[in-house]
Amino acid sequence: MNRTPVFRRLTINDVDEILHVEYASFTSPWNRDAFVRELTMNPYAIYIGGELDKKIVAYGGMWIVIDEAHITNIAVLPEYRGLKIGEQLMMKMMETMIVKGVKKATLEVRVSNIVAQNMYRKFGFKNGGIRKSYYTDNYEDALVMWVNLK
C-alpha cells in the first residue's frame, strides 16, 4: 500500500470527505455550510487535501490576503496520524504560499496541542502571543504563531 499522499486543491465536490476528516479531528468542528462558503464564496481561501488509499485523509485550509496567509485548519484522520502526512501537507501549503507571494503566515493552535506546535516550529513558526479563551468548546487559550517566508 502506498504511504505517499497525493496532494491537490480541494473543491466543493470534496465537502463530504473534508467533513469526515474535520469531525474525526476536532471537538468544535466546522459545519457543512462553513466549508461550502469557503470553497465557493471566499476568494481568499485555498484548501489542499491529501489523498491516500483513494480517500482524503488530510486537509489544510488557508486564506491568502495580499502577502499574508492565515492558516485556518490542518487535520489528519486519526488512523493516518504518525505517518508524517501533516508535515507533507504543511510543506505543500507553504509551497503554495511562496508561489502566491506570501511574506508572512500565521495560525492559532491550542496551547495544549504540543504535537502540532512542534510541527509548526519545524517550518519556522515562532510564538507570537496568546488569544485568551479562543476555543469555544472549553475556552482553552490559543497560541498565535507566525513565520516570515521572505
Protein backbone atom coordinates (compact mmCIF):
# COMPACT_ATOMS: atom_id res chain seq x y z
CA MET A 1 0.00 0.00 0.00
CA ASN A 2 1.38 3.42 -0.99
CA ARG A 3 2.07 5.69 2.01
CA THR A 4 2.81 8.84 -0.01
CA PRO A 5 -0.28 11.00 -0.30
CA VAL A 6 -1.23 12.82 -3.46
CA PHE A 7 -1.95 16.47 -2.69
CA ARG A 8 -4.39 18.58 -4.68
CA ARG A 9 -6.57 21.65 -4.42
CA LEU A 10 -9.96 20.78 -2.94
CA THR A 11 -13.30 21.76 -4.46
CA ILE A 12 -16.95 21.79 -3.47
CA ASN A 13 -17.12 18.14 -4.60
CA ASP A 14 -14.83 17.21 -1.68
CA VAL A 15 -17.00 18.60 1.14
CA ASP A 16 -18.24 15.21 2.39
CA GLU A 17 -14.69 13.89 2.72
CA ILE A 18 -13.44 17.14 4.29
CA LEU A 19 -16.24 16.89 6.85
CA HIS A 20 -15.25 13.30 7.64
CA VAL A 21 -11.70 14.45 8.48
CA GLU A 22 -12.98 17.54 10.31
CA TYR A 23 -15.41 15.67 12.58
CA ALA A 24 -12.82 12.97 13.36
CA SER A 25 -10.24 15.61 14.28
CA PHE A 26 -11.85 18.46 16.21
CA THR A 27 -14.08 18.86 19.25
CA SER A 28 -15.61 22.02 17.71
CA PRO A 29 -15.78 21.09 14.02
CA TRP A 30 -16.82 23.45 11.30
CA ASN A 31 -20.16 22.56 9.71
CA ARG A 32 -21.00 21.85 6.07
CA ASP A 33 -22.15 25.43 5.40
CA ALA A 34 -18.79 26.81 6.56
CA PHE A 35 -16.89 24.65 4.09
CA VAL A 36 -19.35 25.33 1.28
CA ARG A 37 -18.86 29.07 1.83
CA GLU A 38 -15.07 28.68 1.99
CA LEU A 39 -14.93 26.69 -1.24
CA THR A 40 -17.47 28.68 -3.26
CA MET A 41 -17.66 32.23 -1.89
CA ASN A 42 -14.35 33.12 -0.21
CA PRO A 43 -11.95 34.43 -2.87
CA TYR A 44 -9.06 34.30 -0.38
CA ALA A 45 -9.50 30.65 0.61
CA ILE A 46 -7.32 27.81 -0.65
CA TYR A 47 -7.89 24.26 0.61
CA ILE A 48 -5.47 21.43 -0.09
CA GLY A 49 -6.22 17.76 0.51
CA GLY A 50 -4.03 14.74 0.83
CA GLU A 51 -5.36 11.54 -0.74
CA LEU A 52 -4.23 8.10 0.31
CA ASP A 53 -5.98 4.79 -0.22
CA LYS A 54 -8.32 6.61 -2.67
CA LYS A 55 -9.74 8.91 0.00
CA ILE A 56 -8.96 12.29 1.53
CA VAL A 57 -7.08 11.56 4.75
CA ALA A 58 -5.89 15.10 5.47
CA TYR A 59 -6.71 18.65 4.52
CA GLY A 60 -5.49 22.14 5.23
CA GLY A 61 -7.06 25.50 4.63
CA MET A 62 -5.68 29.00 4.42
CA TRP A 63 -6.68 32.48 3.50
CA ILE A 64 -4.22 34.46 1.43
CA VAL A 65 -4.76 38.22 1.52
CA ILE A 66 -2.21 40.22 -0.45
CA ASP A 67 1.10 38.98 1.03
CA GLU A 68 -0.11 37.36 4.26
CA ALA A 69 -1.59 33.94 4.90
CA HIS A 70 -3.75 32.78 7.76
CA ILE A 71 -3.88 29.02 8.19
CA THR A 72 -7.44 28.19 9.19
CA ASN A 73 -7.34 24.40 9.61
CA ILE A 74 -5.00 21.46 9.34
CA ALA A 75 -6.33 17.99 10.09
CA VAL A 76 -5.33 14.37 9.54
CA LEU A 77 -7.64 11.41 10.11
CA PRO A 78 -6.66 9.79 13.43
CA GLU A 79 -5.83 6.43 11.84
CA TYR A 80 -3.33 8.14 9.50
CA ARG A 81 -1.50 10.20 12.12
CA GLY A 82 2.14 9.45 12.78
CA LEU A 83 2.90 8.91 9.08
CA LYS A 84 4.20 12.48 8.56
CA ILE A 85 1.19 13.32 6.38
CA GLY A 86 0.62 16.53 8.37
CA GLU A 87 4.19 17.60 7.65
CA GLN A 88 3.84 16.78 3.96
CA LEU A 89 0.58 18.75 3.85
CA MET A 90 2.20 21.69 5.63
CA MET A 91 5.06 21.61 3.12
CA LYS A 92 2.57 21.73 0.24
CA MET A 93 0.73 24.64 1.89
CA MET A 94 3.99 26.56 2.43
CA GLU A 95 4.98 25.94 -1.22
CA THR A 96 1.59 27.32 -2.29
CA MET A 97 2.09 30.40 -0.12
CA ILE A 98 5.52 31.08 -1.62
CA VAL A 99 4.18 30.72 -5.17
CA LYS A 100 1.39 33.19 -4.27
CA GLY A 101 3.92 35.74 -2.94
CA VAL A 102 3.12 35.38 0.76
CA LYS A 103 5.68 37.03 3.04
CA LYS A 104 4.21 36.13 6.45
CA ALA A 105 1.88 33.42 7.70
CA THR A 106 0.05 32.98 10.96
CA LEU A 107 -2.12 30.42 12.71
CA GLU A 108 -3.71 29.66 16.06
CA VAL A 109 -3.17 26.37 17.86
CA ARG A 110 -4.44 25.10 21.20
CA VAL A 111 -1.90 25.70 23.97
CA SER A 112 -2.30 22.00 24.86
CA ASN A 113 -1.54 20.77 21.31
CA ILE A 114 2.20 20.32 21.70
CA VAL A 115 2.44 17.87 18.76
CA ALA A 116 1.05 20.46 16.34
CA GLN A 117 3.17 23.26 17.84
CA ASN A 118 6.31 21.18 17.37
CA MET A 119 5.41 20.52 13.73
CA TYR A 120 4.82 24.22 13.09
CA ARG A 121 8.18 25.05 14.67
CA LYS A 122 9.85 22.69 12.14
CA PHE A 123 8.55 25.08 9.48
CA GLY A 124 9.93 28.15 11.24
CA PHE A 125 6.82 29.28 13.10
CA LYS A 126 7.52 31.20 16.31
CA ASN A 127 5.30 32.05 19.25
CA GLY A 128 3.59 35.40 18.72
CA GLY A 129 1.10 35.70 21.58
CA ILE A 130 -1.91 34.19 23.30
CA ARG A 131 -5.59 34.58 22.45
CA LYS A 132 -7.37 34.05 25.75
CA SER A 133 -10.35 31.66 25.78
CA TYR A 134 -10.17 31.34 21.98
CA TYR A 135 -11.73 27.89 21.65
CA THR A 136 -15.46 27.87 22.30
CA ASP A 137 -15.77 24.21 23.32
CA ASN A 138 -13.68 24.56 26.50
CA TYR A 139 -12.40 28.16 26.41
CA GLU A 140 -8.83 26.99 26.04
CA ASP A 141 -6.31 29.65 25.06
CA ALA A 142 -4.79 29.69 21.59
CA LEU A 143 -1.13 30.18 20.91
CA VAL A 144 -0.67 32.53 17.94
CA MET A 145 2.30 31.55 15.81
CA TRP A 146 3.97 33.45 12.94
CA VAL A 147 6.55 32.72 10.27
CA ASN A 148 8.33 35.01 7.83
CA LEU A 149 8.64 33.40 4.41
CA LYS A 150 10.76 36.05 2.65
